[in-house]
Amino acid sequence: MVSLRLIDLKSRTVLKFITQPHVRLLLTGTLFMVAFVWMAISAYDVDKAEIKVFAVFSVMLLGVMVVAGLIFSFVLILIRRSSRREGLLGKIESIEKEVAAEAQVNARSPDNKAET
């Protein structure tokens, strides 16, 4: 009786995990990828060496994309932090404000241009 409850609990947990949207997308994407490769193999008589190269390059591309995502997320975190503490974007805004204020001052008194 106890083992049946444990199995029932595990099956519910697995069912909850499988029904999550991201997991469903991963599973269906994997299924369609496998079906595409299988059809390419069966319909076009692709050599096993070419399949191996395709698989290796696919894994390498996936690895590069993961690394690029990690680097991009790190850069994005740095940009967000720097914008809070007068970072590069804040400096550009402050320079624009200074230039606009200087232009207003120069527009009000045209004599300053002749003296400088």
PDB file of N, CA and C in Angstrom:
ATOM      1  N   MET A   1       0.814  -1.194   0.000  1.00  0.00           N
ATOM      2  CA  MET A   1       0.000   0.000   0.000  1.00  0.00           C
ATOM      3  C   MET A   1       0.858   1.259   0.000  1.00  0.00           C
ATOM      4  N   VAL A   2       1.922   1.229   0.768  1.00  0.00           N
ATOM      5  CA  VAL A   2       2.790   2.395   0.842  1.00  0.00           C
ATOM      6  C   VAL A   2       3.488   2.616  -0.495  1.00  0.00           C
ATOM      7  N   SER A   3       3.922   1.546  -1.133  1.00  0.00           N
ATOM      8  CA  SER A   3       4.619   1.679  -2.406  1.00  0.00           C
ATOM      9  C   SER A   3       3.697   2.226  -3.493  1.00  0.00           C
ATOM     10  N   LEU A   4       2.404   1.875  -3.446  1.00  0.00           N
ATOM     11  CA  LEU A   4       1.466   2.414  -4.418  1.00  0.00           C
ATOM     12  C   LEU A   4       1.288   3.924  -4.240  1.00  0.00           C
ATOM     13  N   ARG A   5       1.247   4.389  -3.010  1.00  0.00           N
ATOM     14  CA  ARG A   5       1.131   5.823  -2.762  1.00  0.00           C
ATOM     15  C   ARG A   5       2.384   6.547  -3.249  1.00  0.00           C
ATOM     16  N   LEU A   6       3.528   5.955  -3.042  1.00  0.00           N
ATOM     17  CA  LEU A   6       4.786   6.558  -3.465  1.00  0.00           C
ATOM     18  C   LEU A   6       4.848   6.651  -4.986  1.00  0.00           C
ATOM     19  N   ILE A   7       4.411   5.600  -5.652  1.00  0.00           N
ATOM     20  CA  ILE A   7       4.387   5.616  -7.117  1.00  0.00           C
ATOM     21  C   ILE A   7       3.390   6.664  -7.610  1.00  0.00           C
ATOM     22  N   ASP A   8       2.231   6.744  -6.966  1.00  0.00           N
ATOM     23  CA  ASP A   8       1.218   7.724  -7.349  1.00  0.00           C
ATOM     24  C   ASP A   8       1.754   9.147  -7.159  1.00  0.00           C
ATOM     25  N   LEU A   9       2.451   9.382  -6.071  1.00  0.00           N
ATOM     26  CA  LEU A   9       3.031  10.699  -5.810  1.00  0.00           C
ATOM     27  C   LEU A   9       4.084  11.036  -6.855  1.00  0.00           C
ATOM     28  N   LYS A  10       4.911  10.068  -7.216  1.00  0.00           N
ATOM     29  CA  LYS A  10       5.937  10.304  -8.230  1.00  0.00           C
ATOM     30  C   LYS A  10       5.317  10.568  -9.597  1.00  0.00           C
ATOM     31  N   SER A  11       4.257   9.840  -9.930  1.00  0.00           N
ATOM     32  CA  SER A  11       3.634  10.040 -11.235  1.00  0.00           C
ATOM     33  C   SER A  11       2.975  11.414 -11.313  1.00  0.00           C
ATOM     34  N   ARG A  12       2.404  11.896 -10.211  1.00  0.00           N
ATOM     35  CA  ARG A  12       1.843  13.239 -10.212  1.00  0.00           C
ATOM     36  C   ARG A  12       2.927  14.287 -10.388  1.00  0.00           C
ATOM     37  N   THR A  13       4.063  14.093  -9.732  1.00  0.00           N
ATOM     38  CA  THR A  13       5.168  15.039  -9.853  1.00  0.00           C
ATOM     39  C   THR A  13       5.702  15.059 -11.277  1.00  0.00           C
ATOM     40  N   VAL A  14       5.829  13.892 -11.867  1.00  0.00           N
ATOM     41  CA  VAL A  14       6.303  13.810 -13.250  1.00  0.00           C
ATOM     42  C   VAL A  14       5.291  14.446 -14.188  1.00  0.00           C
ATOM     43  N   LEU A  15       4.026  14.212 -13.953  1.00  0.00           N
ATOM     44  CA  LEU A  15       2.981  14.787 -14.790  1.00  0.00           C
ATOM     45  C   LEU A  15       2.982  16.316 -14.695  1.00  0.00           C
ATOM     46  N   LYS A  16       3.156  16.855 -13.489  1.00  0.00           N
ATOM     47  CA  LYS A  16       3.236  18.310 -13.331  1.00  0.00           C
ATOM     48  C   LYS A  16       4.446  18.863 -14.074  1.00  0.00           C
ATOM     49  N   PHE A  17       5.555  18.131 -14.001  1.00  0.00           N
ATOM     50  CA  PHE A  17       6.778  18.587 -14.669  1.00  0.00           C
ATOM     51  C   PHE A  17       6.607  18.578 -16.189  1.00  0.00           C
ATOM     52  N   ILE A  18       6.011  17.541 -16.711  1.00  0.00           N
ATOM     53  CA  ILE A  18       5.858  17.409 -18.163  1.00  0.00           C
ATOM     54  C   ILE A  18       4.866  18.428 -18.713  1.00  0.00           C
ATOM     55  N   THR A  19       3.853  18.793 -17.932  1.00  0.00           N
ATOM     56  CA  THR A  19       2.833  19.709 -18.432  1.00  0.00           C
ATOM     57  C   THR A  19       3.249  21.177 -18.353  1.00  0.00           C
ATOM     58  N   GLN A  20       4.419  21.470 -17.838  1.00  0.00           N
ATOM     59  CA  GLN A  20       4.887  22.859 -17.838  1.00  0.00           C
ATOM     60  C   GLN A  20       5.176  23.294 -19.269  1.00  0.00           C
ATOM     61  N   PRO A  21       4.891  24.558 -19.617  1.00  0.00           N
ATOM     62  CA  PRO A  21       5.027  24.999 -21.018  1.00  0.00           C
ATOM     63  C   PRO A  21       6.441  24.870 -21.568  1.00  0.00           C
ATOM     64  N   HIS A  22       7.451  25.214 -20.787  1.00  0.00           N
ATOM     65  CA  HIS A  22       8.822  25.150 -21.291  1.00  0.00           C
ATOM     66  C   HIS A  22       9.264  23.707 -21.543  1.00  0.00           C
ATOM     67  N   VAL A  23       8.841  22.820 -20.674  1.00  0.00           N
ATOM     68  CA  VAL A  23       9.203  21.413 -20.848  1.00  0.00           C
ATOM     69  C   VAL A  23       8.493  20.842 -22.067  1.00  0.00           C
ATOM     70  N   ARG A  24       7.222  21.229 -22.255  1.00  0.00           N
ATOM     71  CA  ARG A  24       6.505  20.758 -23.445  1.00  0.00           C
ATOM     72  C   ARG A  24       7.167  21.263 -24.722  1.00  0.00           C
ATOM     73  N   LEU A  25       7.602  22.533 -24.723  1.00  0.00           N
ATOM     74  CA  LEU A  25       8.297  23.068 -25.901  1.00  0.00           C
ATOM     75  C   LEU A  25       9.605  22.322 -26.157  1.00  0.00           C
ATOM     76  N   LEU A  26      10.335  22.026 -25.093  1.00  0.00           N
ATOM     77  CA  LEU A  26      11.583  21.274 -25.237  1.00  0.00           C
ATOM     78  C   LEU A  26      11.321  19.883 -25.799  1.00  0.00           C
ATOM     79  N   LEU A  27      10.319  19.212 -25.264  1.00  0.00           N
ATOM     80  CA  LEU A  27      10.022  17.858 -25.728  1.00  0.00           C
ATOM     81  C   LEU A  27       9.530  17.842 -27.171  1.00  0.00           C
ATOM     82  N   THR A  28       8.639  18.761 -27.536  1.00  0.00           N
ATOM     83  CA  THR A  28       8.147  18.771 -28.913  1.00  0.00           C
ATOM     84  C   THR A  28       9.238  19.197 -29.892  1.00  0.00           C
ATOM     85  N   GLY A  29      10.073  20.151 -29.484  1.00  0.00           N
ATOM     86  CA  GLY A  29      11.195  20.550 -30.341  1.00  0.00           C
ATOM     87  C   GLY A  29      12.159  19.407 -30.572  1.00  0.00           C
ATOM     88  N   THR A  30      12.449  18.656 -29.520  1.00  0.00           N
ATOM     89  CA  THR A  30      13.329  17.494 -29.651  1.00  0.00           C
ATOM     90  C   THR A  30      12.690  16.434 -30.537  1.00  0.00           C
ATOM     91  N   LEU A  31      11.412  16.200 -30.366  1.00  0.00           N
ATOM     92  CA  LEU A  31      10.707  15.210 -31.183  1.00  0.00           C
ATOM     93  C   LEU A  31      10.751  15.586 -32.659  1.00  0.00           C
ATOM     94  N   PHE A  32      10.466  16.859 -32.975  1.00  0.00           N
ATOM     95  CA  PHE A  32      10.480  17.279 -34.369  1.00  0.00           C
ATOM     96  C   PHE A  32      11.893  17.270 -34.951  1.00  0.00           C
ATOM     97  N   MET A  33      12.889  17.574 -34.136  1.00  0.00           N
ATOM     98  CA  MET A  33      14.270  17.522 -34.611  1.00  0.00           C
ATOM     99  C   MET A  33      14.673  16.089 -34.938  1.00  0.00           C
ATOM    100  N   VAL A  34      14.313  15.174 -34.074  1.00  0.00           N
ATOM    101  CA  VAL A  34      14.633  13.766 -34.317  1.00  0.00           C
ATOM    102  C   VAL A  34      13.896  13.271 -35.558  1.00  0.00           C
ATOM    103  N   ALA A  35      12.637  13.666 -35.730  1.00  0.00           N
ATOM    104  CA  ALA A  35      11.875  13.259 -36.910  1.00  0.00           C
ATOM    105  C   ALA A  35      12.488  13.834 -38.186  1.00  0.00           C
ATOM    106  N   PHE A  36      12.954  15.077 -38.137  1.00  0.00           N
ATOM    107  CA  PHE A  36      13.583  15.692 -39.302  1.00  0.00           C
ATOM    108  C   PHE A  36      14.859  14.965 -39.693  1.00  0.00           C
ATOM    109  N   VAL A  37      15.690  14.665 -38.712  1.00  0.00           N
ATOM    110  CA  VAL A  37      16.948  13.962 -39.002  1.00  0.00           C
ATOM    111  C   VAL A  37      16.657  12.552 -39.497  1.00  0.00           C
ATOM    112  N   TRP A  38      15.686  11.875 -38.893  1.00  0.00           N
ATOM    113  CA  TRP A  38      15.357  10.517 -39.319  1.00  0.00           C
ATOM    114  C   TRP A  38      14.847  10.513 -40.762  1.00  0.00           C
ATOM    115  N   MET A  39      14.017  11.490 -41.112  1.00  0.00           N
ATOM    116  CA  MET A  39      13.523  11.564 -42.493  1.00  0.00           C
ATOM    117  C   MET A  39      14.649  11.874 -43.470  1.00  0.00           C
ATOM    118  N   ALA A  40      15.595  12.713 -43.061  1.00  0.00           N
ATOM    119  CA  ALA A  40      16.736  13.021 -43.924  1.00  0.00           C
ATOM    120  C   ALA A  40      17.573  11.770 -44.147  1.00  0.00           C
ATOM    121  N   ILE A  41      17.727  10.973 -43.110  1.00  0.00           N
ATOM    122  CA  ILE A  41      18.513   9.755 -43.229  1.00  0.00           C
ATOM    123  C   ILE A  41      17.808   8.748 -44.128  1.00  0.00           C
ATOM    124  N   SER A  42      16.513   8.544 -43.887  1.00  0.00           N
ATOM    125  CA  SER A  42      15.801   7.504 -44.631  1.00  0.00           C
ATOM    126  C   SER A  42      15.491   7.930 -46.066  1.00  0.00           C
ATOM    127  N   ALA A  43      15.171   9.182 -46.291  1.00  0.00           N
ATOM    128  CA  ALA A  43      14.750   9.609 -47.625  1.00  0.00           C
ATOM    129  C   ALA A  43      15.915   9.919 -48.554  1.00  0.00           C
ATOM    130  N   TYR A  44      17.013  10.436 -48.021  1.00  0.00           N
ATOM    131  CA  TYR A  44      18.096  10.900 -48.883  1.00  0.00           C
ATOM    132  C   TYR A  44      19.372  10.081 -48.748  1.00  0.00           C
ATOM    133  N   ASP A  45      19.332   8.985 -48.031  1.00  0.00           N
ATOM    134  CA  ASP A  45      20.493   8.103 -47.845  1.00  0.00           C
ATOM    135  C   ASP A  45      21.735   8.888 -47.411  1.00  0.00           C
ATOM    136  N   VAL A  46      21.618   9.582 -46.300  1.00  0.00           N
ATOM    137  CA  VAL A  46      22.721  10.364 -45.759  1.00  0.00           C
ATOM    138  C   VAL A  46      23.693   9.414 -45.069  1.00  0.00           C
ATOM    139  N   ASP A  47      24.986   9.637 -45.279  1.00  0.00           N
ATOM    140  CA  ASP A  47      26.010   8.791 -44.657  1.00  0.00           C
ATOM    141  C   ASP A  47      26.050   9.024 -43.150  1.00  0.00           C
ATOM    142  N   LYS A  48      26.528   7.998 -42.430  1.00  0.00           N
ATOM    143  CA  LYS A  48      26.630   8.105 -40.979  1.00  0.00           C
ATOM    144  C   LYS A  48      27.674   9.142 -40.571  1.00  0.00           C
ATOM    145  N   ALA A  49      28.718   9.286 -41.368  1.00  0.00           N
ATOM    146  CA  ALA A  49      29.743  10.284 -41.051  1.00  0.00           C
ATOM    147  C   ALA A  49      29.171  11.693 -41.118  1.00  0.00           C
ATOM    148  N   GLU A  50      28.308  11.950 -42.094  1.00  0.00           N
ATOM    149  CA  GLU A  50      27.684  13.270 -42.203  1.00  0.00           C
ATOM    150  C   GLU A  50      26.720  13.523 -41.048  1.00  0.00           C
ATOM    151  N   ILE A  51      26.037  12.491 -40.609  1.00  0.00           N
ATOM    152  CA  ILE A  51      25.140  12.632 -39.465  1.00  0.00           C
ATOM    153  C   ILE A  51      25.948  12.959 -38.208  1.00  0.00           C
ATOM    154  N   LYS A  52      27.096  12.292 -38.059  1.00  0.00           N
ATOM    155  CA  LYS A  52      27.942  12.540 -36.905  1.00  0.00           C
ATOM    156  C   LYS A  52      28.453  13.986 -36.910  1.00  0.00           C
ATOM    157  N   VAL A  53      28.867  14.472 -38.076  1.00  0.00           N
ATOM    158  CA  VAL A  53      29.334  15.858 -38.189  1.00  0.00           C
ATOM    159  C   VAL A  53      28.194  16.824 -37.873  1.00  0.00           C
ATOM    160  N   PHE A  54      27.022  16.531 -38.386  1.00  0.00           N
ATOM    161  CA  PHE A  54      25.854  17.366 -38.111  1.00  0.00           C
ATOM    162  C   PHE A  54      25.555  17.407 -36.612  1.00  0.00           C
ATOM    163  N   ALA A  55      25.609  16.273 -35.955  1.00  0.00           N
ATOM    164  CA  ALA A  55      25.327  16.212 -34.521  1.00  0.00           C
ATOM    165  C   ALA A  55      26.383  16.975 -33.726  1.00  0.00           C
ATOM    166  N   VAL A  56      27.652  16.803 -34.097  1.00  0.00           N
ATOM    167  CA  VAL A  56      28.729  17.494 -33.380  1.00  0.00           C
ATOM    168  C   VAL A  56      28.602  19.002 -33.550  1.00  0.00           C
ATOM    169  N   PHE A  57      28.358  19.453 -34.769  1.00  0.00           N
ATOM    170  CA  PHE A  57      28.214  20.884 -35.000  1.00  0.00           C
ATOM    171  C   PHE A  57      26.957  21.446 -34.320  1.00  0.00           C
ATOM    172  N   SER A  58      25.910  20.656 -34.253  1.00  0.00           N
ATOM    173  CA  SER A  58      24.702  21.102 -33.552  1.00  0.00           C
ATOM    174  C   SER A  58      24.979  21.300 -32.067  1.00  0.00           C
ATOM    175  N   VAL A  59      25.690  20.352 -31.473  1.00  0.00           N
ATOM    176  CA  VAL A  59      26.039  20.471 -30.058  1.00  0.00           C
ATOM    177  C   VAL A  59      26.980  21.655 -29.842  1.00  0.00           C
ATOM    178  N   MET A  60      27.932  21.850 -30.767  1.00  0.00           N
ATOM    179  CA  MET A  60      28.839  22.990 -30.643  1.00  0.00           C
ATOM    180  C   MET A  60      28.079  24.308 -30.756  1.00  0.00           C
ATOM    181  N   LEU A  61      27.147  24.401 -31.690  1.00  0.00           N
ATOM    182  CA  LEU A  61      26.346  25.611 -31.842  1.00  0.00           C
ATOM    183  C   LEU A  61      25.528  25.873 -30.593  1.00  0.00           C
ATOM    184  N   LEU A  62      24.954  24.834 -30.034  1.00  0.00           N
ATOM    185  CA  LEU A  62      24.186  24.971 -28.808  1.00  0.00           C
ATOM    186  C   LEU A  62      25.073  25.479 -27.677  1.00  0.00           C
ATOM    187  N   GLY A  63      26.277  24.938 -27.562  1.00  0.00           N
ATOM    188  CA  GLY A  63      27.216  25.388 -26.533  1.00  0.00           C
ATOM    189  C   GLY A  63      27.609  26.843 -26.717  1.00  0.00           C
ATOM    190  N   VAL A  64      27.859  27.240 -27.958  1.00  0.00           N
ATOM    191  CA  VAL A  64      28.219  28.639 -28.228  1.00  0.00           C
ATOM    192  C   VAL A  64      27.047  29.558 -27.878  1.00  0.00           C
ATOM    193  N   MET A  65      25.836  29.132 -28.190  1.00  0.00           N
ATOM    194  CA  MET A  65      24.661  29.952 -27.873  1.00  0.00           C
ATOM    195  C   MET A  65      24.472  30.086 -26.364  1.00  0.00           C
ATOM    196  N   VAL A  66      24.729  29.027 -25.618  1.00  0.00           N
ATOM    197  CA  VAL A  66      24.611  29.085 -24.156  1.00  0.00           C
ATOM    198  C   VAL A  66      25.661  30.032 -23.587  1.00  0.00           C
ATOM    199  N   VAL A  67      26.894  29.920 -24.067  1.00  0.00           N
ATOM    200  CA  VAL A  67      27.962  30.805 -23.592  1.00  0.00           C
ATOM    201  C   VAL A  67      27.657  32.257 -23.960  1.00  0.00           C
ATOM    202  N   ALA A  68      27.187  32.497 -25.177  1.00  0.00           N
ATOM    203  CA  ALA A  68      26.836  33.854 -25.589  1.00  0.00           C
ATOM    204  C   ALA A  68      25.701  34.402 -24.730  1.00  0.00           C
ATOM    205  N   GLY A  69      24.738  33.574 -24.396  1.00  0.00           N
ATOM    206  CA  GLY A  69      23.650  34.010 -23.515  1.00  0.00           C
ATOM    207  C   GLY A  69      24.144  34.366 -22.129  1.00  0.00           C
ATOM    208  N   LEU A  70      25.070  33.575 -21.603  1.00  0.00           N
ATOM    209  CA  LEU A  70      25.637  33.879 -20.287  1.00  0.00           C
ATOM    210  C   LEU A  70      26.409  35.195 -20.318  1.00  0.00           C
ATOM    211  N   ILE A  71      27.209  35.388 -21.360  1.00  0.00           N
ATOM    212  CA  ILE A  71      27.986  36.626 -21.475  1.00  0.00           C
ATOM    213  C   ILE A  71      27.048  37.816 -21.637  1.00  0.00           C
ATOM    214  N   PHE A  72      26.034  37.678 -22.485  1.00  0.00           N
ATOM    215  CA  PHE A  72      25.095  38.776 -22.704  1.00  0.00           C
ATOM    216  C   PHE A  72      24.330  39.108 -21.429  1.00  0.00           C
ATOM    217  N   SER A  73      23.945  38.096 -20.666  1.00  0.00           N
ATOM    218  CA  SER A  73      23.229  38.372 -19.417  1.00  0.00           C
ATOM    219  C   SER A  73      24.141  39.080 -18.426  1.00  0.00           C
ATOM    220  N   PHE A  74      25.416  38.706 -18.383  1.00  0.00           N
ATOM    221  CA  PHE A  74      26.371  39.383 -17.504  1.00  0.00           C
ATOM    222  C   PHE A  74      26.543  40.843 -17.916  1.00  0.00           C
ATOM    223  N   VAL A  75      26.663  41.089 -19.211  1.00  0.00           N
ATOM    224  CA  VAL A  75      26.798  42.463 -19.708  1.00  0.00           C
ATOM    225  C   VAL A  75      25.530  43.252 -19.401  1.00  0.00           C
ATOM    226  N   LEU A  76      24.380  42.649 -19.562  1.00  0.00           N
ATOM    227  CA  LEU A  76      23.119  43.320 -19.280  1.00  0.00           C
ATOM    228  C   LEU A  76      23.005  43.678 -17.806  1.00  0.00           C
ATOM    229  N   ILE A  77      23.447  42.784 -16.929  1.00  0.00           N
ATOM    230  CA  ILE A  77      23.449  43.075 -15.488  1.00  0.00           C
ATOM    231  C   ILE A  77      24.364  44.255 -15.199  1.00  0.00           C
ATOM    232  N   LEU A  78      25.541  44.287 -15.825  1.00  0.00           N
ATOM    233  CA  LEU A  78      26.459  45.406 -15.615  1.00  0.00           C
ATOM    234  C   LEU A  78      25.873  46.718 -16.117  1.00  0.00           C
ATOM    235  N   ILE A  79      25.201  46.690 -17.251  1.00  0.00           N
ATOM    236  CA  ILE A  79      24.588  47.908 -17.783  1.00  0.00           C
ATOM    237  C   ILE A  79      23.492  48.395 -16.850  1.00  0.00           C
ATOM    238  N   ARG A  80      22.686  47.492 -16.335  1.00  0.00           N
ATOM    239  CA  ARG A  80      21.620  47.896 -15.423  1.00  0.00           C
ATOM    240  C   ARG A  80      22.183  48.475 -14.133  1.00  0.00           C
ATOM    241  N   ARG A  81      23.253  47.875 -13.611  1.00  0.00           N
ATOM    242  CA  ARG A  81      23.878  48.399 -12.396  1.00  0.00           C
ATOM    243  C   ARG A  81      24.471  49.772 -12.640  1.00  0.00           C
ATOM    244  N   SER A  82      25.142  49.939 -13.764  1.00  0.00           N
ATOM    245  CA  SER A  82      25.802  51.208 -14.031  1.00  0.00           C
ATOM    246  C   SER A  82      24.800  52.319 -14.288  1.00  0.00           C
ATOM    247  N   SER A  83      23.617  51.992 -14.803  1.00  0.00           N
ATOM    248  CA  SER A  83      22.619  53.035 -15.042  1.00  0.00           C
ATOM    249  C   SER A  83      22.058  53.555 -13.726  1.00  0.00           C
ATOM    250  N   ARG A  84      22.083  52.754 -12.695  1.00  0.00           N
ATOM    251  CA  ARG A  84      21.623  53.211 -11.385  1.00  0.00           C
ATOM    252  C   ARG A  84      22.646  54.136 -10.735  1.00  0.00           C
ATOM    253  N   ARG A  85      23.917  53.938 -11.044  1.00  0.00           N
ATOM    254  CA  ARG A  85      24.980  54.690 -10.383  1.00  0.00           C
ATOM    255  C   ARG A  85      25.655  55.667 -11.335  1.00  0.00           C
ATOM    256  N   GLU A  86      24.920  56.327 -12.157  1.00  0.00           N
ATOM    257  CA  GLU A  86      25.478  57.304 -13.091  1.00  0.00           C
ATOM    258  C   GLU A  86      26.543  56.638 -13.963  1.00  0.00           C
ATOM    259  N   GLY A  87      26.117  55.615 -14.700  1.00  0.00           N
ATOM    260  CA  GLY A  87      27.030  54.904 -15.581  1.00  0.00           C
ATOM    261  C   GLY A  87      27.220  55.630 -16.898  1.00  0.00           C
ATOM    262  N   LEU A  88      27.570  54.894 -17.924  1.00  0.00           N
ATOM    263  CA  LEU A  88      27.831  55.496 -19.224  1.00  0.00           C
ATOM    264  C   LEU A  88      26.594  56.173 -19.797  1.00  0.00           C
ATOM    265  N   LEU A  89      25.452  55.508 -19.684  1.00  0.00           N
ATOM    266  CA  LEU A  89      24.226  56.109 -20.205  1.00  0.00           C
ATOM    267  C   LEU A  89      23.850  57.355 -19.407  1.00  0.00           C
ATOM    268  N   GLY A  90      24.065  57.320 -18.102  1.00  0.00           N
ATOM    269  CA  GLY A  90      23.794  58.489 -17.280  1.00  0.00           C
ATOM    270  C   GLY A  90      24.718  59.645 -17.612  1.00  0.00           C
ATOM    271  N   LYS A  91      25.966  59.336 -17.930  1.00  0.00           N
ATOM    272  CA  LYS A  91      26.917  60.386 -18.306  1.00  0.00           C
ATOM    273  C   LYS A  91      26.511  61.033 -19.625  1.00  0.00           C
ATOM    274  N   ILE A  92      26.029  60.234 -20.555  1.00  0.00           N
ATOM    275  CA  ILE A  92      25.574  60.788 -21.837  1.00  0.00           C
ATOM    276  C   ILE A  92      24.403  61.732 -21.602  1.00  0.00           C
ATOM    277  N   GLU A  93      23.476  61.321 -20.752  1.00  0.00           N
ATOM    278  CA  GLU A  93      22.333  62.189 -20.448  1.00  0.00           C
ATOM    279  C   GLU A  93      22.778  63.469 -19.768  1.00  0.00           C
ATOM    280  N   SER A  94      23.732  63.378 -18.834  1.00  0.00           N
ATOM    281  CA  SER A  94      24.191  64.586 -18.144  1.00  0.00           C
ATOM    282  C   SER A  94      24.936  65.508 -19.111  1.00  0.00           C
ATOM    283  N   ILE A  95      25.697  64.944 -20.041  1.00  0.00           N
ATOM    284  CA  ILE A  95      26.391  65.764 -21.047  1.00  0.00           C
ATOM    285  C   ILE A  95      25.372  66.453 -21.946  1.00  0.00           C
ATOM    286  N   GLU A  96      24.321  65.727 -22.342  1.00  0.00           N
ATOM    287  CA  GLU A  96      23.271  66.338 -23.164  1.00  0.00           C
ATOM    288  C   GLU A  96      22.590  67.479 -22.429  1.00  0.00           C
ATOM    289  N   LYS A  97      22.346  67.304 -21.131  1.00  0.00           N
ATOM    290  CA  LYS A  97      21.731  68.371 -20.338  1.00  0.00           C
ATOM    291  C   LYS A  97      22.655  69.587 -20.250  1.00  0.00           C
ATOM    292  N   GLU A  98      23.955  69.334 -20.061  1.00  0.00           N
ATOM    293  CA  GLU A  98      24.914  70.441 -19.999  1.00  0.00           C
ATOM    294  C   GLU A  98      24.976  71.194 -21.322  1.00  0.00           C
ATOM    295  N   VAL A  99      24.983  70.474 -22.423  1.00  0.00           N
ATOM    296  CA  VAL A  99      25.035  71.104 -23.742  1.00  0.00           C
ATOM    297  C   VAL A  99      23.765  71.911 -23.990  1.00  0.00           C
ATOM    298  N   ALA A 100      22.614  71.367 -23.590  1.00  0.00           N
ATOM    299  CA  ALA A 100      21.356  72.085 -23.773  1.00  0.00           C
ATOM    300  C   ALA A 100      21.324  73.342 -22.920  1.00  0.00           C
ATOM    301  N   ALA A 101      21.810  73.252 -21.679  1.00  0.00           N
ATOM    302  CA  ALA A 101      21.846  74.428 -20.809  1.00  0.00           C
ATOM    303  C   ALA A 101      22.803  75.472 -21.360  1.00  0.00           C
ATOM    304  N   GLU A 102      23.936  75.034 -21.868  1.00  0.00           N
ATOM    305  CA  GLU A 102      24.911  75.957 -22.456  1.00  0.00           C
ATOM    306  C   GLU A 102      24.342  76.630 -23.704  1.00  0.00           C
ATOM    307  N   ALA A 103      23.583  75.891 -24.494  1.00  0.00           N
ATOM    308  CA  ALA A 103      22.971  76.457 -25.696  1.00  0.00           C
ATOM    309  C   ALA A 103      21.928  77.501 -25.326  1.00  0.00           C
ATOM    310  N   GLN A 104      21.193  77.254 -24.235  1.00  0.00           N
ATOM    311  CA  GLN A 104      20.210  78.246 -23.783  1.00  0.00           C
ATOM    312  C   GLN A 104      20.893  79.513 -23.298  1.00  0.00           C
ATOM    313  N   VAL A 105      22.003  79.361 -22.578  1.00  0.00           N
ATOM    314  CA  VAL A 105      22.741  80.523 -22.092  1.00  0.00           C
ATOM    315  C   VAL A 105      23.300  81.314 -23.265  1.00  0.00           C
ATOM    316  N   ASN A 106      23.856  80.633 -24.247  1.00  0.00           N
ATOM    317  CA  ASN A 106      24.403  81.298 -25.418  1.00  0.00           C
ATOM    318  C   ASN A 106      23.310  81.962 -26.259  1.00  0.00           C
ATOM    319  N   ALA A 107      22.142  81.384 -26.283  1.00  0.00           N
ATOM    320  CA  ALA A 107      21.043  81.962 -27.040  1.00  0.00           C
ATOM    321  C   ALA A 107      20.527  83.238 -26.387  1.00  0.00           C
ATOM    322  N   ARG A 108      20.591  83.307 -25.079  1.00  0.00           N
ATOM    323  CA  ARG A 108      20.108  84.484 -24.356  1.00  0.00           C
ATOM    324  C   ARG A 108      21.064  85.677 -24.494  1.00  0.00           C
ATOM    325  N   SER A 109      22.352  85.390 -24.458  1.00  0.00           N
ATOM    326  CA  SER A 109      23.313  86.498 -24.530  1.00  0.00           C
ATOM    327  C   SER A 109      24.265  86.289 -25.692  1.00  0.00           C
ATOM    328  N   PRO A 110      23.970  86.901 -26.829  1.00  0.00           N
ATOM    329  CA  PRO A 110      24.839  86.725 -28.000  1.00  0.00           C
ATOM    330  C   PRO A 110      26.181  87.423 -27.831  1.00  0.00           C
ATOM    331  N   ASP A 111      26.342  88.288 -26.853  1.00  0.00           N
ATOM    332  CA  ASP A 111      27.615  88.968 -26.637  1.00  0.00           C
ATOM    333  C   ASP A 111      28.700  88.022 -26.144  1.00  0.00           C
ATOM    334  N   ASN A 112      28.322  86.935 -25.477  1.00  0.00           N
ATOM    335  CA  ASN A 112      29.306  85.973 -24.957  1.00  0.00           C
ATOM    336  C   ASN A 112      30.087  85.307 -26.085  1.00  0.00           C
ATOM    337  N   LYS A 113      29.430  85.136 -27.223  1.00  0.00           N
ATOM    338  CA  LYS A 113      30.114  84.491 -28.352  1.00  0.00           C
ATOM    339  C   LYS A 113      31.211  85.405 -28.901  1.00  0.00           C
ATOM    340  N   ALA A 114      30.966  86.697 -28.912  1.00  0.00           N
ATOM    341  CA  ALA A 114      31.947  87.636 -29.460  1.00  0.00           C
ATOM    342  C   ALA A 114      33.163  87.728 -28.534  1.00  0.00           C
ATOM    343  N   GLU A 115      32.964  87.637 -27.217  1.00  0.00           N
ATOM    344  CA  GLU A 115      34.069  87.752 -26.273  1.00  0.00           C
ATOM    345  C   GLU A 115      34.926  86.505 -26.239  1.00  0.00           C
ATOM    346  N   THR A 116      34.358  85.326 -26.447  1.00  0.00           N
ATOM    347  CA  THR A 116      35.139  84.090 -26.372  1.00  0.00           C
ATOM    348  C   THR A 116      35.686  83.646 -27.652  1.00  0.00           C
TER     349      THR A 116
END
